Amino acid sequence: MQRRDDESVNRGEQVERAEREAAKQRLLEQAEAERVPVEDTTRAVPDRRWRSDHR
């Protein structure tokens, strides 16, 4: 009976590992889909009104 319990635990661990890997892949795919290419970003330009030497 002990061997069957060990196999059940082993199988459960394998299922959990597969689920974690699938979740990781979904997150990576979502992040890639939401990624903004560098070429599409604009460079931030500081607002000159707030510079201390501009008085």
C-alpha atoms as a PDB file:
ATOM      1  CA  MET A   1       0.000   0.000   0.000  1.00  0.00           C
ATOM      2  CA  GLN A   2       2.901   2.358   0.689  1.00  0.00           C
ATOM      3  CA  ARG A   3       4.080   2.139  -2.926  1.00  0.00           C
ATOM      4  CA  ARG A   4       0.701   3.263  -4.266  1.00  0.00           C
ATOM      5  CA  ASP A   5       0.704   6.289  -1.896  1.00  0.00           C
ATOM      6  CA  ASP A   6       4.186   7.226  -3.121  1.00  0.00           C
ATOM      7  CA  GLU A   7       3.020   7.014  -6.724  1.00  0.00           C
ATOM      8  CA  SER A   8       0.037   9.251  -5.937  1.00  0.00           C
ATOM      9  CA  VAL A   9       2.309  11.861  -4.331  1.00  0.00           C
ATOM     10  CA  ASN A  10       4.691  11.642  -7.276  1.00  0.00           C
ATOM     11  CA  ARG A  11       1.846  12.089  -9.741  1.00  0.00           C
ATOM     12  CA  GLY A  12       0.494  15.028  -7.749  1.00  0.00           C
ATOM     13  CA  GLU A  13       3.905  16.699  -7.805  1.00  0.00           C
ATOM     14  CA  GLN A  14       4.152  16.192 -11.553  1.00  0.00           C
ATOM     15  CA  VAL A  15       0.716  17.734 -12.093  1.00  0.00           C
ATOM     16  CA  GLU A  16       1.633  20.719  -9.889  1.00  0.00           C
ATOM     17  CA  ARG A  17       4.892  21.217 -11.768  1.00  0.00           C
ATOM     18  CA  ALA A  18       3.081  21.103 -15.122  1.00  0.00           C
ATOM     19  CA  GLU A  19       0.478  23.610 -13.883  1.00  0.00           C
ATOM     20  CA  ARG A  20       3.190  25.965 -12.627  1.00  0.00           C
ATOM     21  CA  GLU A  21       5.022  25.746 -15.944  1.00  0.00           C
ATOM     22  CA  ALA A  22       1.795  26.422 -17.877  1.00  0.00           C
ATOM     23  CA  ALA A  23       1.044  29.445 -15.669  1.00  0.00           C
ATOM     24  CA  LYS A  24       4.585  30.718 -16.191  1.00  0.00           C
ATOM     25  CA  GLN A  25       4.206  30.393 -19.965  1.00  0.00           C
ATOM     26  CA  ARG A  26       0.875  32.263 -19.879  1.00  0.00           C
ATOM     27  CA  LEU A  27       2.472  35.098 -17.897  1.00  0.00           C
ATOM     28  CA  LEU A  28       5.414  35.301 -20.292  1.00  0.00           C
ATOM     29  CA  GLU A  29       3.098  35.342 -23.308  1.00  0.00           C
ATOM     30  CA  GLN A  30       0.941  38.052 -21.716  1.00  0.00           C
ATOM     31  CA  ALA A  31       3.996  40.158 -20.863  1.00  0.00           C
ATOM     32  CA  GLU A  32       5.301  39.810 -24.410  1.00  0.00           C
ATOM     33  CA  ALA A  33       1.905  40.797 -25.840  1.00  0.00           C
ATOM     34  CA  GLU A  34       1.799  43.917 -23.629  1.00  0.00           C
ATOM     35  CA  ARG A  35       5.427  44.881 -24.232  1.00  0.00           C
ATOM     36  CA  VAL A  36       6.000  48.260 -25.876  1.00  0.00           C
ATOM     37  CA  PRO A  37       8.939  48.319 -28.300  1.00  0.00           C
ATOM     38  CA  VAL A  38      11.643  50.854 -27.469  1.00  0.00           C
ATOM     39  CA  GLU A  39      11.079  52.558 -30.815  1.00  0.00           C
ATOM     40  CA  ASP A  40       7.486  53.354 -29.781  1.00  0.00           C
ATOM     41  CA  THR A  41       8.405  55.091 -26.537  1.00  0.00           C
ATOM     42  CA  THR A  42       9.179  58.758 -26.171  1.00  0.00           C
ATOM     43  CA  ARG A  43      11.993  60.213 -24.148  1.00  0.00           C
ATOM     44  CA  ALA A  44      10.889  62.138 -21.075  1.00  0.00           C
ATOM     45  CA  VAL A  45      11.828  65.810 -21.235  1.00  0.00           C
ATOM     46  CA  PRO A  46      11.993  67.650 -17.911  1.00  0.00           C
ATOM     47  CA  ASP A  47       9.638  70.570 -17.448  1.00  0.00           C
ATOM     48  CA  ARG A  48      11.922  73.598 -17.543  1.00  0.00           C
ATOM     49  CA  ARG A  49       9.584  75.666 -15.355  1.00  0.00           C
ATOM     50  CA  TRP A  50      10.676  73.689 -12.306  1.00  0.00           C
ATOM     51  CA  ARG A  51      14.417  74.052 -12.758  1.00  0.00           C
ATOM     52  CA  SER A  52      15.970  75.851  -9.805  1.00  0.00           C
ATOM     53  CA  ASP A  53      18.196  78.083 -11.952  1.00  0.00           C
ATOM     54  CA  HIS A  54      15.274  79.385 -14.023  1.00  0.00           C
ATOM     55  CA  ARG A  55      14.251  82.246 -11.740  1.00  0.00           C
END
